[in-house]
Amino acid sequence: AVPPPAAPAPPAAAPDEENFDLTPDPAPRAVAPAPPAPHTGGAGRDSAGHDPDPGVAPHGAPGMGGRPRKPGGPPSSPPTPPRTSPTPSAPLLNERYTFDTFVVGPSNRLAQAGAYAVAQAPGQVYNPLFLYGPSGLGKTHLMHAIGNQVARGASGTGEGRIAYISGESFLSHYITSLREHRTDEFRRKWRSVDVLLVDDIQFIASKEHTKEEFFHTFNALYQTGKQIVISSDRSPRELRAMDERLRSRFECGLIADILPPDLETRLAILQKKAQTERMRIPDDVMLYMARLVQSNIRTLEGALVKLIAYASVVGSPVTTQLAADILGRYYIAAAPAEGGSAGGGDPDLTPRNAPLTAEAVQRVVAKKFGLAPDALTGKKRDRDVVQARQIAMHLMRELTEVSLPGIGQLFGGRDHSTVAHACDRIRAQIPFDDDLKALVDDLLKELKSPPDA
C-alpha cells in the first residue's frame, strides 16, 4: 500500500520578519525549489526530499548544538581546515597594520597600551576593550594589530578563531541570514570565535533587531571568556540610540579615546611613513606638512603620497616650496595650530599658504556677531549665540576637514548629531534668506583672504 502523503510544512516566514527565538529552527522546513547543485558534504536527504538542515555550517562550532547529518548518500569529502575568520566574506586583516607600525603619542597612548595588553592575553584583561575617537586617528589600525598579533600565536592561543567585521557588515550579514532563513548558522559562526573585533559599532545603534542579536552575541562570548574589541566614533555614553543594556556592557571594560595627534606625533607619523615607503623627505618639508594637516592621520599620509607622486612625475626635488604649491590648496588644518598661530612660527607658512584653522573660524564668526569666542563653545542659548554657533559649525564643515564628532568637540563637546543639524539648517536656509546668505558670503570672503588683504 502506498503511504499517504505527508502533511505540508507550514509556510516560511517572510524575509523581512525578524524572529529572534534562539532555539533551532523546526525541521523539516519548507524551502523554495532550486536547481540541483553538486554535493559538498555528502549529507543524505530525508523522506520528504529535503536537506536535513540546510543552515548548518560544514564545521559546527563546539557546544553550539548543531544537529548531525543523517548517514547515507555519497561518500563525504575530506573536511575543510578551520579558517581564522568565521565567515569567508568577512574582511581580511591588513598585515601592514601592526603594533610595530603604530606611532604612539600622548593622544593615543592609553588606547595602544590597552590594545597591546589584549593581544597578549585575549579575554583575560580589558574585556571588552572599547576604542573611540574621530575618523582617521588609528582605531582600525589598532584593531587589525590585535588580530594580527593573536593570529601569529604571540598570545599563546594557538589556533584561535579571529573575526574582524564592521558594524555595517554585521548588519548586512544578519539581514542576509534572515532572508535565507539561516539565523542558526549566523549565530553559530559569530558565537564560536575566540576574538571578535567590531569596527564602527555606531552603524547598528538605530537597528533594533540587529542590536538585539548583537546583545546576545556579546553575552555568549563574554560569558565564555572570549575577547571582544569594539570601536566607535563616540563614547558609549554618546551612543544614545544604543540600548542602555549594551552601553553598560561596553562600559564594563576599558574605554580608551584617541584624540588628534600633536605636532611631534604627526612628525613621527610622517617619518615612519617615509621610512616604510623608502622615501627621502627633507626634515623641513615634513615639518611643514605636519603643521599643514593637523587632525586626520589618513589625510596626513595621503598628503605625503601626493607630494612624492607629483615630484616623481615632474622630476622635481622635494622642497618646502613645492609642498606649499602642491598641498596648500588641497589640505587645510583641522585643529587649532600649535602656538596659537596658523604657521606655528614657521617662516615657510606665509599668509598665502597658511592653513585655515578651526580656531580662526570661531574667532572670525564671534567677532562678526560681537561675541567672545568662548561664547560659541559655551552653554548659552541666546538667539544670536545659537545662530553664530550654527554658522561657525557650517563654515568649519565647509572649509576644514574636521569630522562631525571633531567639530562637536571643538564646540564644548557637543554631539555629532547637533553639528549635523546645525549644518543642515544653515544650508537649507541660505537659498531663502538673503540676509543670511550675505552674512555667510562675507564670512567666507574674510576667512579665505590673507590677513592683510
Protein backbone atom coordinates (compact mmCIF):
# COMPACT_ATOMS: atom_id res chain seq x y z
CA ALA A 1 0.00 0.00 0.00
CA VAL A 2 1.21 3.47 -0.79
CA PRO A 3 1.55 5.57 2.38
CA PRO A 4 -0.48 8.79 2.41
CA PRO A 5 1.46 11.92 1.51
CA ALA A 6 2.97 13.86 4.40
CA ALA A 7 1.16 16.97 5.54
CA PRO A 8 2.65 20.12 4.00
CA ALA A 9 5.01 22.07 6.24
CA PRO A 10 3.84 25.48 7.44
CA PRO A 11 4.87 28.34 5.14
CA ALA A 12 8.19 30.03 5.92
CA ALA A 13 8.18 33.49 7.44
CA ALA A 14 8.50 36.46 5.12
CA PRO A 15 12.10 37.60 4.56
CA ASP A 16 11.59 40.87 6.36
CA GLU A 17 10.25 39.30 9.53
CA GLU A 18 12.88 39.03 12.24
CA ASN A 19 12.44 36.04 14.52
CA PHE A 20 14.80 36.16 17.49
CA ASP A 21 13.90 32.83 19.07
CA LEU A 22 17.32 31.31 19.83
CA THR A 23 16.04 27.73 19.64
CA PRO A 24 16.91 25.79 16.47
CA ASP A 25 14.53 26.12 13.52
CA PRO A 26 11.90 23.36 13.21
CA ALA A 27 12.78 20.54 10.82
CA PRO A 28 11.87 19.71 8.17
CA ARG A 29 11.47 23.25 6.84
CA ALA A 30 9.85 24.25 3.58
CA VAL A 31 12.36 25.62 1.11
CA ALA A 32 11.93 27.15 -2.30
CA PRO A 33 12.77 24.77 -5.18
CA ALA A 34 16.21 25.31 -6.63
CA PRO A 35 18.24 23.70 -9.42
CA PRO A 36 20.34 20.73 -8.27
CA ALA A 37 23.88 21.53 -7.13
CA PRO A 38 26.85 19.21 -6.56
CA HIS A 39 27.21 17.81 -3.04
CA THR A 40 30.00 19.28 -0.92
CA GLY A 41 29.38 17.47 2.35
CA GLY A 42 27.72 14.21 1.33
CA ALA A 43 24.64 14.68 3.53
CA GLY A 44 21.63 12.45 2.95
CA ARG A 45 18.06 13.58 2.32
CA ASP A 46 15.02 12.94 4.47
CA SER A 47 11.84 11.21 3.36
CA ALA A 48 10.43 14.47 2.02
CA GLY A 49 13.48 15.05 -0.15
CA HIS A 50 14.84 17.96 1.91
CA ASP A 51 18.32 18.50 3.22
CA PRO A 52 18.11 17.62 6.95
CA ASP A 53 19.49 21.04 7.94
CA PRO A 54 20.49 23.40 5.11
CA GLY A 55 21.56 26.05 7.64
CA VAL A 56 24.33 24.04 9.37
CA ALA A 57 27.87 25.09 8.51
CA PRO A 58 30.31 22.34 7.42
CA HIS A 59 32.25 22.84 10.68
CA GLY A 60 29.76 23.22 13.54
CA ALA A 61 31.15 25.21 16.44
CA PRO A 62 31.63 23.08 19.57
CA GLY A 63 28.91 23.46 22.17
CA MET A 64 26.50 25.29 19.85
CA GLY A 65 24.06 22.38 19.42
CA GLY A 66 24.40 21.73 15.67
CA ARG A 67 22.32 18.71 14.56
CA PRO A 68 24.31 15.82 13.00
CA ARG A 69 23.60 14.91 9.42
CA LYS A 70 21.91 11.60 8.66
CA PRO A 71 24.01 8.70 7.40
CA GLY A 72 23.83 7.63 3.80
CA GLY A 73 24.36 9.31 0.48
CA PRO A 74 27.61 9.55 -1.44
CA PRO A 75 30.92 9.40 0.46
CA SER A 76 31.84 12.61 2.24
CA SER A 77 34.71 14.74 1.00
CA PRO A 78 37.61 15.45 3.41
CA PRO A 79 36.74 18.18 5.95
CA THR A 80 37.92 21.69 5.18
CA PRO A 81 40.52 23.04 7.65
CA PRO A 82 39.23 25.72 10.07
CA ARG A 83 39.53 29.32 8.97
CA THR A 84 40.85 32.19 11.06
CA SER A 85 37.66 34.08 10.22
CA PRO A 86 34.21 32.56 10.82
CA THR A 87 32.82 33.77 7.50
CA PRO A 88 34.56 33.72 4.13
CA SER A 89 33.07 37.12 3.28
CA ALA A 90 34.36 38.81 6.44
CA PRO A 91 37.05 41.43 5.81
CA LEU A 92 40.60 40.13 5.97
CA LEU A 93 43.13 41.56 8.39
CA ASN A 94 45.57 44.05 6.90
CA GLU A 95 49.04 42.66 7.55
CA ARG A 96 50.56 46.16 7.41
CA TYR A 97 48.60 47.23 10.48
CA THR A 98 50.74 46.02 13.36
CA PHE A 99 51.88 47.42 16.69
CA ASP A 100 55.33 48.00 15.20
CA THR A 101 53.93 50.38 12.58
CA PHE A 102 51.67 52.25 15.03
CA VAL A 103 53.16 55.55 16.21
CA VAL A 104 52.45 56.16 19.91
CA GLY A 105 51.94 59.65 21.30
CA PRO A 106 50.14 61.38 24.17
CA SER A 107 46.85 61.34 22.23
CA ASN A 108 46.72 57.55 21.77
CA ARG A 109 48.96 56.08 24.46
CA LEU A 110 46.17 54.56 26.58
CA ALA A 111 44.43 53.03 23.54
CA GLN A 112 47.69 51.48 22.28
CA ALA A 113 48.59 50.08 25.71
CA GLY A 114 45.13 48.57 26.15
CA ALA A 115 45.16 47.04 22.67
CA TYR A 116 48.62 45.54 23.20
CA ALA A 117 47.62 44.03 26.55
CA VAL A 118 44.53 42.49 24.95
CA ALA A 119 46.61 41.00 22.13
CA GLN A 120 48.95 39.39 24.65
CA ALA A 121 46.18 37.82 26.76
CA PRO A 122 42.80 37.78 24.98
CA GLY A 123 39.83 37.51 27.30
CA GLN A 124 41.93 37.93 30.44
CA VAL A 125 42.38 41.72 30.65
CA TYR A 126 40.30 44.67 29.46
CA ASN A 127 37.30 42.74 28.22
CA PRO A 128 35.62 44.35 26.42
CA LEU A 129 38.01 46.95 25.03
CA PHE A 130 36.17 49.99 23.65
CA LEU A 131 38.12 52.43 21.43
CA TYR A 132 36.55 55.68 20.30
CA GLY A 133 37.51 58.88 18.54
CA PRO A 134 37.09 60.78 15.25
CA SER A 135 37.72 59.04 11.96
CA GLY A 136 41.26 58.62 10.70
CA LEU A 137 43.14 58.53 14.01
CA GLY A 138 44.14 54.84 14.23
CA LYS A 139 41.24 52.87 15.73
CA THR A 140 41.11 50.45 12.79
CA HIS A 141 44.91 50.16 12.82
CA LEU A 142 44.85 49.01 16.45
CA MET A 143 42.05 46.52 15.84
CA HIS A 144 43.92 44.94 12.94
CA ALA A 145 47.08 44.93 15.05
CA ILE A 146 45.28 42.95 17.75
CA GLY A 147 44.04 40.45 15.20
CA ASN A 148 47.44 40.07 13.55
CA GLN A 149 49.18 39.61 16.91
CA VAL A 150 46.75 36.93 18.05
CA ALA A 151 46.85 35.21 14.65
CA ARG A 152 50.63 34.90 14.87
CA GLY A 153 50.22 33.00 18.12
CA ALA A 154 52.08 35.63 20.19
CA SER A 155 49.30 35.50 22.78
CA GLY A 156 49.58 31.73 23.19
CA THR A 157 46.06 30.95 21.98
CA GLY A 158 47.26 28.64 19.21
CA GLU A 159 44.56 28.11 16.60
CA GLY A 160 42.24 30.80 17.95
CA ARG A 161 39.39 31.90 15.71
CA ILE A 162 39.57 35.64 14.97
CA ALA A 163 36.77 37.64 13.39
CA TYR A 164 37.06 41.25 12.26
CA ILE A 165 33.93 42.90 10.89
CA SER A 166 32.48 46.38 10.64
CA GLY A 167 29.16 47.26 12.18
CA GLU A 168 27.71 47.82 8.72
CA SER A 169 28.84 44.36 7.56
CA PHE A 170 27.44 42.73 10.70
CA LEU A 171 24.08 44.33 9.87
CA SER A 172 24.31 43.18 6.25
CA HIS A 173 25.21 39.59 7.19
CA TYR A 174 22.39 39.43 9.70
CA ILE A 175 19.81 40.66 7.17
CA THR A 176 21.09 38.07 4.68
CA SER A 177 20.71 35.29 7.25
CA LEU A 178 17.12 36.38 7.87
CA ARG A 179 16.30 36.46 4.19
CA GLU A 180 17.77 33.00 3.64
CA HIS A 181 16.37 31.56 6.91
CA ARG A 182 19.88 30.79 8.19
CA THR A 183 19.90 32.62 11.51
CA ASP A 184 21.06 29.47 13.33
CA GLU A 185 24.16 29.33 11.17
CA PHE A 186 24.75 33.06 11.68
CA ARG A 187 24.62 32.62 15.44
CA ARG A 188 26.91 29.62 15.44
CA LYS A 189 29.50 31.44 13.38
CA TRP A 190 29.70 34.61 15.43
CA ARG A 191 29.38 32.97 18.84
CA SER A 192 32.14 30.42 18.27
CA VAL A 193 35.04 32.86 17.78
CA ASP A 194 37.78 33.50 20.32
CA VAL A 195 38.39 37.15 19.44
CA LEU A 196 35.65 39.37 18.00
CA LEU A 197 36.70 42.75 16.56
CA VAL A 198 33.77 45.02 15.63
CA ASP A 199 34.65 48.31 13.95
CA ASP A 200 32.27 51.30 13.81
CA ILE A 201 29.62 49.83 16.10
CA GLN A 202 27.61 53.07 15.77
CA PHE A 203 26.16 51.79 12.49
CA ILE A 204 23.87 49.35 14.31
CA ALA A 205 22.80 51.81 17.03
CA SER A 206 19.41 52.52 15.42
CA LYS A 207 18.77 48.98 14.12
CA GLU A 208 16.54 47.42 16.76
CA HIS A 209 16.66 43.76 15.75
CA THR A 210 20.35 43.82 14.88
CA LYS A 211 21.08 45.35 18.30
CA GLU A 212 19.11 42.53 19.89
CA GLU A 213 21.15 39.93 18.01
CA PHE A 214 24.44 41.64 18.88
CA PHE A 215 23.40 41.80 22.53
CA HIS A 216 23.00 38.02 22.66
CA THR A 217 26.23 37.52 20.70
CA PHE A 218 28.07 39.79 23.14
CA ASN A 219 26.69 37.87 26.13
CA ALA A 220 27.53 34.47 24.66
CA LEU A 221 31.15 35.47 24.04
CA TYR A 222 31.65 37.43 27.26
CA GLN A 223 30.27 34.67 29.48
CA THR A 224 32.66 32.12 27.94
CA GLY A 225 35.71 34.37 28.40
CA LYS A 226 36.16 35.33 24.74
CA GLN A 227 37.73 38.69 23.89
CA ILE A 228 35.58 41.49 22.46
CA VAL A 229 37.03 44.68 20.97
CA ILE A 230 34.72 47.45 19.76
CA SER A 231 35.40 50.80 18.10
CA SER A 232 33.14 53.80 17.55
CA ASP A 233 33.32 57.45 16.60
CA ARG A 234 31.97 58.40 20.03
CA SER A 235 31.94 57.14 23.60
CA PRO A 236 29.36 54.61 24.86
CA ARG A 237 27.50 57.36 26.73
CA GLU A 238 27.11 59.30 23.48
CA LEU A 239 25.61 56.32 21.64
CA ARG A 240 22.14 57.45 22.66
CA ALA A 241 20.37 55.26 20.09
CA MET A 242 22.04 52.18 21.60
CA ASP A 243 20.17 50.27 24.29
CA GLU A 244 21.19 51.02 27.86
CA ARG A 245 21.96 47.35 28.49
CA LEU A 246 24.50 47.39 25.63
CA ARG A 247 26.03 50.72 26.69
CA SER A 248 26.50 49.42 30.23
CA ARG A 249 28.26 46.32 28.87
CA PHE A 250 30.56 48.45 26.74
CA GLU A 251 31.49 50.40 29.86
CA CYS A 252 32.35 47.37 31.99
CA GLY A 253 35.81 47.03 30.39
CA LEU A 254 38.44 49.56 29.33
CA ILE A 255 37.26 52.65 27.44
CA ALA A 256 40.09 54.47 25.65
CA ASP A 257 39.73 57.54 23.48
CA ILE A 258 42.03 58.58 20.63
CA LEU A 259 42.46 62.31 20.05
CA PRO A 260 44.04 64.22 17.15
CA PRO A 261 47.84 63.89 17.35
CA ASP A 262 50.08 66.75 18.44
CA LEU A 263 52.83 68.20 16.26
CA GLU A 264 55.55 65.82 17.47
CA THR A 265 53.36 62.77 16.89
CA ARG A 266 52.38 63.94 13.41
CA LEU A 267 56.03 64.45 12.57
CA ALA A 268 56.85 60.95 13.83
CA ILE A 269 53.99 59.53 11.72
CA LEU A 270 55.40 61.15 8.59
CA GLN A 271 58.89 59.87 9.36
CA LYS A 272 57.55 56.34 9.91
CA LYS A 273 55.56 56.50 6.66
CA ALA A 274 58.58 57.75 4.72
CA GLN A 275 60.75 55.03 6.22
CA THR A 276 58.20 52.32 5.42
CA GLU A 277 57.83 53.51 1.83
CA ARG A 278 61.60 54.13 1.50
CA MET A 279 61.12 57.81 0.70
CA ARG A 280 63.75 60.50 1.28
CA ILE A 281 61.99 63.61 2.56
CA PRO A 282 63.84 66.66 3.97
CA ASP A 283 63.06 67.43 7.59
CA ASP A 284 61.82 70.93 6.83
CA VAL A 285 59.27 69.54 4.36
CA MET A 286 57.99 67.06 6.93
CA LEU A 287 57.68 69.83 9.49
CA TYR A 288 55.69 71.95 7.04
CA MET A 289 53.33 69.06 6.30
CA ALA A 290 52.91 68.19 9.98
CA ARG A 291 51.74 71.76 10.56
CA LEU A 292 49.55 71.81 7.48
CA VAL A 293 47.41 68.75 8.29
CA GLN A 294 46.67 68.63 11.97
CA SER A 295 43.95 66.13 12.84
CA ASN A 296 43.50 63.29 10.37
CA ILE A 297 46.29 60.75 10.01
CA ARG A 298 44.91 59.34 6.77
CA THR A 299 44.91 62.81 5.25
CA LEU A 300 48.42 63.40 6.54
CA GLU A 301 49.75 60.23 4.93
CA GLY A 302 47.79 60.96 1.76
CA ALA A 303 49.40 64.39 1.52
CA LEU A 304 52.83 62.79 1.70
CA VAL A 305 51.99 60.31 -1.06
CA LYS A 306 50.58 63.07 -3.25
CA LEU A 307 53.68 65.20 -2.83
CA ILE A 308 56.06 62.33 -3.64
CA ALA A 309 54.00 61.30 -6.66
CA TYR A 310 53.99 64.83 -8.08
CA ALA A 311 57.72 65.29 -7.51
CA SER A 312 58.40 61.96 -9.24
CA VAL A 313 56.24 62.79 -12.27
CA VAL A 314 57.74 66.24 -12.92
CA GLY A 315 61.25 65.25 -11.83
CA SER A 316 61.47 67.97 -9.22
CA PRO A 317 63.27 67.79 -5.86
CA VAL A 318 61.03 67.72 -2.79
CA THR A 319 61.18 71.16 -1.18
CA THR A 320 59.03 73.21 1.15
CA GLN A 321 58.07 75.49 -1.72
CA LEU A 322 56.91 72.53 -3.80
CA ALA A 323 54.89 71.25 -0.83
CA ALA A 324 53.28 74.67 -0.44
CA ASP A 325 52.43 74.89 -4.13
CA ILE A 326 51.01 71.36 -4.39
CA LEU A 327 49.40 70.82 -0.99
CA GLY A 328 48.47 74.30 0.18
CA ARG A 329 45.33 74.48 -1.95
CA TYR A 330 44.16 70.94 -1.14
CA TYR A 331 44.87 70.41 2.55
CA ILE A 332 43.82 72.69 5.35
CA ALA A 333 44.31 72.29 9.05
CA ALA A 334 41.64 70.51 11.02
CA ALA A 335 42.53 71.76 14.51
CA PRO A 336 43.98 74.91 16.08
CA ALA A 337 47.64 75.25 15.18
CA GLU A 338 50.21 74.86 17.94
CA GLY A 339 51.49 78.11 19.32
CA GLY A 340 48.21 79.91 18.68
CA SER A 341 49.03 80.86 15.09
CA ALA A 342 48.40 79.18 11.80
CA GLY A 343 52.01 78.76 10.98
CA GLY A 344 53.34 77.99 14.43
CA GLY A 345 56.26 80.35 13.76
CA ASP A 346 57.39 78.60 10.56
CA PRO A 347 58.59 81.21 8.04
CA ASP A 348 57.61 78.94 5.16
CA LEU A 349 53.95 79.18 6.14
CA THR A 350 53.27 82.58 4.60
CA PRO A 351 49.77 84.13 4.82
CA ARG A 352 49.04 82.89 1.30
CA ASN A 353 49.86 79.29 2.21
CA ALA A 354 48.94 79.33 5.92
CA PRO A 355 46.29 76.69 6.70
CA LEU A 356 42.88 77.76 7.89
CA THR A 357 42.28 76.62 11.43
CA ALA A 358 39.11 75.82 13.31
CA GLU A 359 40.16 78.43 15.85
CA ALA A 360 40.23 81.07 13.10
CA VAL A 361 36.68 80.19 12.04
CA GLN A 362 35.41 80.56 15.60
CA ARG A 363 37.28 83.83 16.10
CA VAL A 364 36.05 85.45 12.87
CA VAL A 365 32.43 84.40 13.38
CA ALA A 366 32.40 85.53 17.01
CA LYS A 367 33.83 88.92 16.02
CA LYS A 368 31.18 89.34 13.32
CA PHE A 369 28.43 88.82 15.92
CA GLY A 370 30.15 90.92 18.58
CA LEU A 371 30.69 87.91 20.84
CA ALA A 372 33.64 86.44 22.68
CA PRO A 373 34.95 83.21 21.06
CA ASP A 374 34.19 81.36 24.30
CA ALA A 375 30.50 82.10 23.80
CA LEU A 376 30.39 79.71 20.83
CA THR A 377 31.68 76.82 22.93
CA GLY A 378 29.57 77.61 26.00
CA LYS A 379 26.05 76.62 27.03
CA LYS A 380 24.20 79.88 26.29
CA ARG A 381 21.07 79.53 24.15
CA ASP A 382 20.51 83.20 23.24
CA ARG A 383 19.27 83.63 19.68
CA ASP A 384 22.39 85.43 18.45
CA VAL A 385 24.70 82.94 20.15
CA VAL A 386 22.85 79.96 18.68
CA GLN A 387 22.89 81.44 15.17
CA ALA A 388 26.59 82.31 15.42
CA ARG A 389 27.39 78.84 16.69
CA GLN A 390 25.46 77.15 13.88
CA ILE A 391 27.09 79.34 11.22
CA ALA A 392 30.53 78.62 12.65
CA MET A 393 29.81 74.88 12.57
CA HIS A 394 28.62 75.17 8.97
CA LEU A 395 31.73 77.10 7.89
CA MET A 396 34.02 74.71 9.73
CA ARG A 397 32.37 71.80 7.95
CA GLU A 398 32.76 73.52 4.56
CA LEU A 399 36.27 74.93 4.95
CA THR A 400 38.12 72.36 7.04
CA GLU A 401 38.44 68.60 7.13
CA VAL A 402 37.22 68.22 10.69
CA SER A 403 34.72 65.38 11.12
CA LEU A 404 31.31 65.97 12.69
CA PRO A 405 32.41 64.48 16.04
CA GLY A 406 35.59 66.58 15.86
CA ILE A 407 33.58 69.78 15.32
CA GLY A 408 31.36 68.83 18.24
CA GLN A 409 34.43 68.51 20.47
CA LEU A 410 35.61 71.97 19.41
CA PHE A 411 32.23 73.43 20.40
CA GLY A 412 32.16 72.32 24.02
CA GLY A 413 31.90 68.58 23.48
CA ARG A 414 28.58 68.62 21.62
CA ASP A 415 27.24 65.50 19.96
CA HIS A 416 27.86 65.00 16.24
CA SER A 417 24.10 64.94 15.59
CA THR A 418 23.88 68.50 16.93
CA VAL A 419 26.58 69.57 14.48
CA ALA A 420 24.83 67.80 11.59
CA HIS A 421 21.54 69.51 12.46
CA ALA A 422 23.22 72.93 12.57
CA CYS A 423 24.95 72.43 9.21
CA ASP A 424 21.77 71.16 7.56
CA ARG A 425 19.73 74.05 8.92
CA ILE A 426 22.11 76.76 7.71
CA ARG A 427 22.50 75.07 4.31
CA ALA A 428 18.70 74.84 3.93
CA GLN A 429 18.08 78.48 4.94
CA ILE A 430 20.70 80.14 2.72
CA PRO A 431 18.71 79.90 -0.58
CA PHE A 432 15.65 81.55 1.03
CA ASP A 433 17.26 84.10 3.36
CA ASP A 434 19.15 86.86 1.55
CA ASP A 435 20.49 88.38 4.77
CA LEU A 436 21.87 85.05 5.94
CA LYS A 437 23.39 84.39 2.52
CA ALA A 438 25.10 87.78 2.52
CA LEU A 439 26.41 87.20 6.05
CA VAL A 440 27.83 83.77 5.19
CA ASP A 441 29.37 85.12 1.97
CA ASP A 442 31.09 87.92 3.89
CA LEU A 443 32.47 85.44 6.40
CA LEU A 444 33.69 83.15 3.62
CA LYS A 445 35.44 86.04 1.90
CA GLU A 446 37.09 87.15 5.12
CA LEU A 447 38.25 83.62 6.02
CA LYS A 448 39.68 82.94 2.57
CA SER A 449 41.51 86.27 2.27
CA PRO A 450 45.06 86.85 3.57
CA PRO A 451 45.10 88.86 6.80
CA ASP A 452 46.49 91.97 5.09
CA ALA A 453 44.30 91.76 2.01
